[in-house]
Amino acid sequence: MSYKPLPRRTEWPDSVIKKCPELAACYYATRANTDEVAEDMQRRMLETQKDYRQQLKTKGIVTYEEEVDEDYDEDEDYAPLHPPGRWRHRPGVMKNRQGETRRLN
């Protein structure tokens, strides 16, 4: 509800362009591609915001539809963020292949 589009800076200083024209050309080419995506996202966000405000005004609540994939299996498709086990360095402690810890000091 409080989304406001931010102005996007597209110009580089002339000194940077003179110093490294290849980098500036690459930047402007990449910027042209990302501007299209950003404008589309901005348009969709403003449409959603307008729809939510209209729903609040008429119904008093906001509703939305969510797609549910019947083929999704949480156990099969789930990937943990970190591998199992201890990954923090512990000075003076060693782990063997069986997972047993042993103090070195």
N, C-alpha and C. Protein backbone atom coordinates (compact mmCIF):
# COMPACT_ATOMS: atom_id res chain seq x y z
N MET A 1 0.81 -1.19 0.00
CA MET A 1 0.00 0.00 0.00
C MET A 1 0.86 1.26 0.00
N SER A 2 2.07 1.16 0.49
CA SER A 2 2.90 2.36 0.56
C SER A 2 4.00 2.35 -0.50
N TYR A 3 3.80 1.62 -1.59
CA TYR A 3 4.82 1.56 -2.64
C TYR A 3 4.89 2.88 -3.39
N LYS A 4 6.09 3.41 -3.52
CA LYS A 4 6.32 4.63 -4.29
C LYS A 4 7.48 4.36 -5.23
N PRO A 5 7.30 4.60 -6.53
CA PRO A 5 8.42 4.37 -7.46
C PRO A 5 9.57 5.33 -7.19
N LEU A 6 10.77 4.79 -7.17
CA LEU A 6 11.95 5.61 -6.93
C LEU A 6 12.52 6.09 -8.26
N PRO A 7 13.05 7.31 -8.30
CA PRO A 7 13.70 7.76 -9.54
C PRO A 7 14.98 6.97 -9.77
N ARG A 8 15.23 6.61 -11.02
CA ARG A 8 16.41 5.82 -11.36
C ARG A 8 17.46 6.72 -12.00
N ARG A 9 18.67 6.67 -11.48
CA ARG A 9 19.77 7.48 -12.00
C ARG A 9 20.37 6.76 -13.21
N THR A 10 20.40 7.44 -14.34
CA THR A 10 20.91 6.80 -15.55
C THR A 10 22.17 7.44 -16.10
N GLU A 11 22.51 8.62 -15.68
CA GLU A 11 23.68 9.32 -16.23
C GLU A 11 24.91 9.09 -15.37
N TRP A 12 26.04 8.94 -16.04
CA TRP A 12 27.34 8.85 -15.38
C TRP A 12 28.09 10.14 -15.62
N PRO A 13 28.98 10.50 -14.73
CA PRO A 13 29.79 11.71 -14.96
C PRO A 13 30.66 11.54 -16.21
N ASP A 14 30.91 12.65 -16.90
CA ASP A 14 31.72 12.62 -18.12
C ASP A 14 33.14 12.13 -17.87
N SER A 15 33.67 12.42 -16.71
CA SER A 15 35.03 11.98 -16.40
C SER A 15 35.13 10.46 -16.38
N VAL A 16 34.10 9.78 -15.88
CA VAL A 16 34.11 8.33 -15.84
C VAL A 16 33.98 7.76 -17.24
N ILE A 17 33.12 8.39 -18.06
CA ILE A 17 32.93 7.92 -19.43
C ILE A 17 34.21 8.07 -20.24
N LYS A 18 34.94 9.18 -20.06
CA LYS A 18 36.20 9.40 -20.78
C LYS A 18 37.28 8.43 -20.32
N LYS A 19 37.27 8.11 -19.03
CA LYS A 19 38.31 7.25 -18.48
C LYS A 19 38.12 5.80 -18.92
N CYS A 20 36.88 5.34 -18.98
CA CYS A 20 36.62 3.94 -19.31
C CYS A 20 35.36 3.84 -20.18
N PRO A 21 35.49 4.11 -21.49
CA PRO A 21 34.30 4.10 -22.36
C PRO A 21 33.67 2.72 -22.53
N GLU A 22 34.49 1.64 -22.45
CA GLU A 22 33.93 0.30 -22.59
C GLU A 22 32.99 -0.03 -21.44
N LEU A 23 33.39 0.36 -20.24
CA LEU A 23 32.56 0.11 -19.07
C LEU A 23 31.26 0.91 -19.15
N ALA A 24 31.36 2.15 -19.61
CA ALA A 24 30.16 2.99 -19.74
C ALA A 24 29.21 2.41 -20.77
N ALA A 25 29.74 1.93 -21.89
CA ALA A 25 28.89 1.33 -22.93
C ALA A 25 28.19 0.09 -22.41
N CYS A 26 28.93 -0.73 -21.68
CA CYS A 26 28.34 -1.95 -21.09
C CYS A 26 27.26 -1.58 -20.07
N TYR A 27 27.54 -0.55 -19.28
CA TYR A 27 26.56 -0.09 -18.28
C TYR A 27 25.27 0.38 -18.94
N TYR A 28 25.39 1.19 -19.97
CA TYR A 28 24.19 1.71 -20.64
C TYR A 28 23.41 0.61 -21.35
N ALA A 29 24.10 -0.38 -21.92
CA ALA A 29 23.40 -1.50 -22.56
C ALA A 29 22.65 -2.33 -21.52
N THR A 30 23.30 -2.60 -20.40
CA THR A 30 22.65 -3.35 -19.33
C THR A 30 21.50 -2.55 -18.74
N ARG A 31 21.71 -1.27 -18.59
CA ARG A 31 20.68 -0.40 -18.03
C ARG A 31 19.43 -0.37 -18.91
N ALA A 32 19.61 -0.39 -20.22
CA ALA A 32 18.47 -0.39 -21.13
C ALA A 32 17.63 -1.65 -20.95
N ASN A 33 18.30 -2.79 -20.74
CA ASN A 33 17.58 -4.04 -20.53
C ASN A 33 16.86 -4.06 -19.18
N THR A 34 17.52 -3.58 -18.15
CA THR A 34 16.89 -3.63 -16.83
C THR A 34 15.81 -2.57 -16.67
N ASP A 35 15.89 -1.48 -17.42
CA ASP A 35 14.84 -0.45 -17.33
C ASP A 35 13.49 -0.99 -17.80
N GLU A 36 13.49 -1.85 -18.83
CA GLU A 36 12.25 -2.44 -19.30
C GLU A 36 11.61 -3.29 -18.21
N VAL A 37 12.42 -4.10 -17.54
CA VAL A 37 11.92 -4.96 -16.47
C VAL A 37 11.44 -4.11 -15.30
N ALA A 38 12.19 -3.09 -14.95
CA ALA A 38 11.82 -2.24 -13.82
C ALA A 38 10.52 -1.48 -14.09
N GLU A 39 10.35 -1.00 -15.32
CA GLU A 39 9.11 -0.30 -15.66
C GLU A 39 7.92 -1.23 -15.61
N ASP A 40 8.08 -2.47 -16.07
CA ASP A 40 6.99 -3.44 -16.01
C ASP A 40 6.64 -3.77 -14.57
N MET A 41 7.65 -3.97 -13.73
CA MET A 41 7.41 -4.25 -12.32
C MET A 41 6.72 -3.07 -11.64
N GLN A 42 7.17 -1.87 -11.95
CA GLN A 42 6.59 -0.67 -11.38
C GLN A 42 5.12 -0.54 -11.77
N ARG A 43 4.82 -0.80 -13.05
CA ARG A 43 3.45 -0.73 -13.53
C ARG A 43 2.56 -1.74 -12.81
N ARG A 44 3.06 -2.99 -12.66
CA ARG A 44 2.27 -4.02 -11.97
C ARG A 44 2.07 -3.68 -10.50
N MET A 45 3.11 -3.15 -9.86
CA MET A 45 2.98 -2.78 -8.44
C MET A 45 1.95 -1.66 -8.26
N LEU A 46 1.97 -0.66 -9.14
CA LEU A 46 1.00 0.44 -9.04
C LEU A 46 -0.42 -0.04 -9.33
N GLU A 47 -0.58 -0.98 -10.29
CA GLU A 47 -1.90 -1.55 -10.55
C GLU A 47 -2.41 -2.33 -9.35
N THR A 48 -1.54 -3.12 -8.74
CA THR A 48 -1.92 -3.90 -7.56
C THR A 48 -2.29 -2.97 -6.41
N GLN A 49 -1.51 -1.93 -6.23
CA GLN A 49 -1.78 -0.96 -5.17
C GLN A 49 -3.14 -0.29 -5.40
N LYS A 50 -3.42 0.09 -6.63
CA LYS A 50 -4.70 0.72 -6.96
C LYS A 50 -5.85 -0.26 -6.71
N ASP A 51 -5.67 -1.53 -7.09
CA ASP A 51 -6.69 -2.55 -6.86
C ASP A 51 -6.93 -2.75 -5.37
N TYR A 52 -5.89 -2.83 -4.57
CA TYR A 52 -6.04 -3.02 -3.12
C TYR A 52 -6.77 -1.84 -2.49
N ARG A 53 -6.42 -0.63 -2.91
CA ARG A 53 -7.11 0.55 -2.36
C ARG A 53 -8.59 0.54 -2.71
N GLN A 54 -8.89 0.13 -3.96
CA GLN A 54 -10.28 0.07 -4.39
C GLN A 54 -11.04 -1.00 -3.60
N GLN A 55 -10.41 -2.15 -3.34
CA GLN A 55 -11.04 -3.19 -2.54
C GLN A 55 -11.28 -2.72 -1.11
N LEU A 56 -10.31 -2.04 -0.54
CA LEU A 56 -10.48 -1.53 0.83
C LEU A 56 -11.63 -0.54 0.89
N LYS A 57 -11.75 0.30 -0.12
CA LYS A 57 -12.81 1.31 -0.12
C LYS A 57 -14.19 0.67 -0.26
N THR A 58 -14.31 -0.35 -1.13
CA THR A 58 -15.64 -0.94 -1.38
C THR A 58 -15.99 -2.03 -0.38
N LYS A 59 -15.08 -2.99 -0.13
CA LYS A 59 -15.39 -4.13 0.73
C LYS A 59 -14.94 -3.96 2.17
N GLY A 60 -13.90 -3.19 2.37
CA GLY A 60 -13.34 -3.04 3.71
C GLY A 60 -12.23 -4.03 3.99
N ILE A 61 -12.02 -5.00 3.08
CA ILE A 61 -10.92 -5.96 3.23
C ILE A 61 -10.26 -6.13 1.87
N VAL A 62 -9.04 -6.69 1.90
CA VAL A 62 -8.30 -6.96 0.67
C VAL A 62 -8.21 -8.47 0.51
N THR A 63 -8.54 -8.97 -0.69
CA THR A 63 -8.43 -10.39 -0.99
C THR A 63 -7.53 -10.57 -2.20
N TYR A 64 -6.93 -11.75 -2.31
CA TYR A 64 -6.11 -12.06 -3.47
C TYR A 64 -6.21 -13.56 -3.74
N GLU A 65 -5.92 -13.95 -4.96
CA GLU A 65 -5.94 -15.35 -5.35
C GLU A 65 -4.52 -15.88 -5.37
N GLU A 66 -4.38 -17.13 -4.94
CA GLU A 66 -3.07 -17.76 -4.93
C GLU A 66 -3.15 -19.05 -5.73
N GLU A 67 -2.17 -19.26 -6.60
CA GLU A 67 -2.15 -20.48 -7.38
C GLU A 67 -1.55 -21.60 -6.55
N VAL A 68 -2.20 -22.77 -6.61
CA VAL A 68 -1.72 -23.94 -5.89
C VAL A 68 -1.35 -24.99 -6.92
N ASP A 69 -0.14 -25.45 -6.85
CA ASP A 69 0.34 -26.48 -7.77
C ASP A 69 0.11 -27.84 -7.12
N GLU A 70 -0.71 -28.67 -7.76
CA GLU A 70 -1.04 -29.98 -7.20
C GLU A 70 0.15 -30.94 -7.29
N ASP A 71 1.06 -30.70 -8.23
CA ASP A 71 2.20 -31.61 -8.41
C ASP A 71 3.34 -31.33 -7.45
N TYR A 72 3.25 -30.25 -6.69
CA TYR A 72 4.36 -29.86 -5.81
C TYR A 72 4.42 -30.80 -4.61
N ASP A 73 5.57 -31.39 -4.40
CA ASP A 73 5.80 -32.25 -3.24
C ASP A 73 6.87 -31.59 -2.38
N GLU A 74 6.48 -31.18 -1.18
CA GLU A 74 7.40 -30.42 -0.34
C GLU A 74 8.63 -31.22 0.04
N ASP A 75 8.48 -32.52 0.29
CA ASP A 75 9.63 -33.34 0.67
C ASP A 75 10.60 -33.52 -0.49
N GLU A 76 10.07 -33.66 -1.70
CA GLU A 76 10.92 -33.89 -2.86
C GLU A 76 11.55 -32.61 -3.39
N ASP A 77 10.80 -31.51 -3.39
CA ASP A 77 11.27 -30.26 -3.99
C ASP A 77 12.00 -29.36 -3.00
N TYR A 78 12.07 -29.72 -1.75
CA TYR A 78 12.69 -28.87 -0.74
C TYR A 78 14.20 -29.05 -0.76
N ALA A 79 14.93 -27.94 -0.77
CA ALA A 79 16.38 -27.98 -0.69
C ALA A 79 16.80 -27.12 0.51
N PRO A 80 17.51 -27.69 1.47
CA PRO A 80 17.90 -26.91 2.65
C PRO A 80 18.88 -25.80 2.28
N LEU A 81 18.86 -24.72 3.06
CA LEU A 81 19.76 -23.60 2.80
C LEU A 81 21.21 -23.96 3.11
N HIS A 82 21.41 -24.72 4.18
CA HIS A 82 22.76 -25.09 4.60
C HIS A 82 22.84 -26.61 4.66
N PRO A 83 24.00 -27.17 4.36
CA PRO A 83 24.13 -28.61 4.48
C PRO A 83 24.03 -29.03 5.94
N PRO A 84 23.60 -30.25 6.19
CA PRO A 84 23.48 -30.68 7.58
C PRO A 84 24.85 -30.79 8.24
N GLY A 85 24.86 -30.63 9.52
CA GLY A 85 26.11 -30.74 10.27
C GLY A 85 26.66 -29.38 10.68
N ARG A 86 27.74 -29.43 11.40
CA ARG A 86 28.33 -28.21 11.93
C ARG A 86 29.27 -27.61 10.89
N TRP A 87 29.09 -26.33 10.55
CA TRP A 87 29.93 -25.68 9.57
C TRP A 87 30.70 -24.51 10.14
N ARG A 88 30.57 -24.27 11.45
CA ARG A 88 31.29 -23.18 12.10
C ARG A 88 32.65 -23.71 12.56
N HIS A 89 33.67 -22.92 12.35
CA HIS A 89 35.02 -23.32 12.76
C HIS A 89 35.12 -23.32 14.28
N ARG A 90 35.64 -24.39 14.82
CA ARG A 90 35.82 -24.49 16.26
C ARG A 90 37.29 -24.79 16.54
N PRO A 91 38.04 -23.80 17.00
CA PRO A 91 39.46 -24.06 17.25
C PRO A 91 39.64 -25.07 18.38
N GLY A 92 40.57 -26.00 18.16
CA GLY A 92 40.89 -26.99 19.18
C GLY A 92 39.97 -28.20 19.17
N VAL A 93 39.10 -28.32 18.19
CA VAL A 93 38.18 -29.46 18.12
C VAL A 93 38.28 -30.08 16.74
N MET A 94 38.30 -31.42 16.68
CA MET A 94 38.39 -32.13 15.42
C MET A 94 37.23 -33.12 15.34
N LYS A 95 36.67 -33.29 14.14
CA LYS A 95 35.62 -34.29 13.93
C LYS A 95 36.16 -35.37 13.02
N ASN A 96 35.88 -36.63 13.38
CA ASN A 96 36.30 -37.72 12.50
C ASN A 96 35.15 -38.12 11.58
N ARG A 97 35.35 -39.15 10.78
CA ARG A 97 34.35 -39.53 9.79
C ARG A 97 33.05 -40.05 10.41
N GLN A 98 33.12 -40.58 11.59
CA GLN A 98 31.91 -41.07 12.25
C GLN A 98 31.11 -39.95 12.90
N GLY A 99 31.64 -38.73 12.90
CA GLY A 99 30.95 -37.60 13.48
C GLY A 99 31.29 -37.35 14.94
N GLU A 100 32.23 -38.11 15.48
CA GLU A 100 32.62 -37.93 16.88
C GLU A 100 33.59 -36.75 16.98
N THR A 101 33.45 -35.96 18.04
CA THR A 101 34.36 -34.83 18.24
C THR A 101 35.45 -35.21 19.21
N ARG A 102 36.63 -34.62 18.99
CA ARG A 102 37.76 -34.89 19.86
C ARG A 102 38.50 -33.58 20.09
N ARG A 103 38.83 -33.31 21.33
CA ARG A 103 39.60 -32.12 21.66
C ARG A 103 41.06 -32.34 21.34
N LEU A 104 41.67 -31.32 20.75
CA LEU A 104 43.08 -31.43 20.39
C LEU A 104 43.99 -30.92 21.50
N ASN A 105 43.49 -30.08 22.36
CA ASN A 105 44.35 -29.48 23.41
C ASN A 105 44.32 -30.29 24.65
